[in-house]
Each structure stands twice: as C-alpha cells, then as structure tokens.
Amino acid sequence: MTSIDKYSLISFAPSILIVVAMIVMTVAGIRFLKKAMAQDAQKAGE
C-alpha cells in the first residue's frame, strides 16, 4: 500500500513543491545576508 496513485499525487505534489521552494528561498536568503554582512563590514572598516 505504499504506491502513489494519481489522486494522492494531486495533493502530494504541491506540498513537495512548497517545501522545495522554501528550502531554495532559505538558501538564497542566507547567501544574500552573508554578502550584505560582508559589504557592511567592509564599509565599517573604511
């Protein structure tokens, strides 16, 4: 009973897409913050 039929996939696929999107956004946000912090530290050092 572990097989996924079409009707289960209809509700399962969007949930997985949301989880993947949140992980991608988190990684992108961390990279953005690291760059912003490095720029701020460089400006503070000047």
Protein backbone atom coordinates (compact mmCIF):
# COMPACT_ATOMS: atom_id res chain seq x y z
CA MET A 1 0.00 0.00 0.00
CA THR A 2 2.96 2.33 -0.49
CA SER A 3 2.19 3.04 -4.13
CA ILE A 4 1.10 6.56 -5.03
CA ASP A 5 -1.86 6.80 -7.33
CA LYS A 6 -2.88 9.81 -9.39
CA TYR A 7 -5.29 11.19 -6.80
CA SER A 8 -2.73 11.01 -3.99
CA LEU A 9 -0.18 12.72 -6.21
CA ILE A 10 -2.54 15.63 -6.88
CA SER A 11 -2.40 16.66 -3.22
CA PHE A 12 1.16 15.44 -2.57
CA ALA A 13 2.98 17.19 -5.42
CA PRO A 14 2.08 20.79 -4.43
CA SER A 15 3.16 20.09 -0.86
CA ILE A 16 6.55 18.86 -2.01
CA LEU A 17 6.91 21.86 -4.35
CA ILE A 18 6.23 24.23 -1.46
CA VAL A 19 8.82 22.51 0.74
CA VAL A 20 11.42 22.64 -2.05
CA ALA A 21 10.64 26.31 -2.71
CA MET A 22 11.07 27.16 0.97
CA ILE A 23 14.45 25.38 1.08
CA VAL A 24 15.63 27.24 -2.04
CA MET A 25 14.44 30.57 -0.66
CA THR A 26 16.20 29.89 2.65
CA VAL A 27 19.50 29.08 0.93
CA ALA A 28 19.19 32.18 -1.28
CA GLY A 29 18.38 34.33 1.75
CA ILE A 30 21.38 33.06 3.69
CA ARG A 31 23.68 33.81 0.74
CA PHE A 32 22.19 37.29 0.37
CA LEU A 33 22.62 38.02 4.07
CA LYS A 34 26.24 36.84 4.03
CA LYS A 35 27.00 39.16 1.12
CA ALA A 36 25.22 42.07 2.79
CA MET A 37 27.08 41.48 6.06
CA ALA A 38 30.42 41.35 4.24
CA GLN A 39 29.66 44.63 2.50
CA ASP A 40 28.63 46.26 5.77
CA ALA A 41 31.80 45.02 7.46
CA GLN A 42 33.89 46.41 4.61
CA LYS A 43 32.16 49.79 4.87
CA ALA A 44 32.63 49.82 8.63
CA GLY A 45 36.33 49.09 8.21
CA GLU A 46 36.87 52.06 5.93
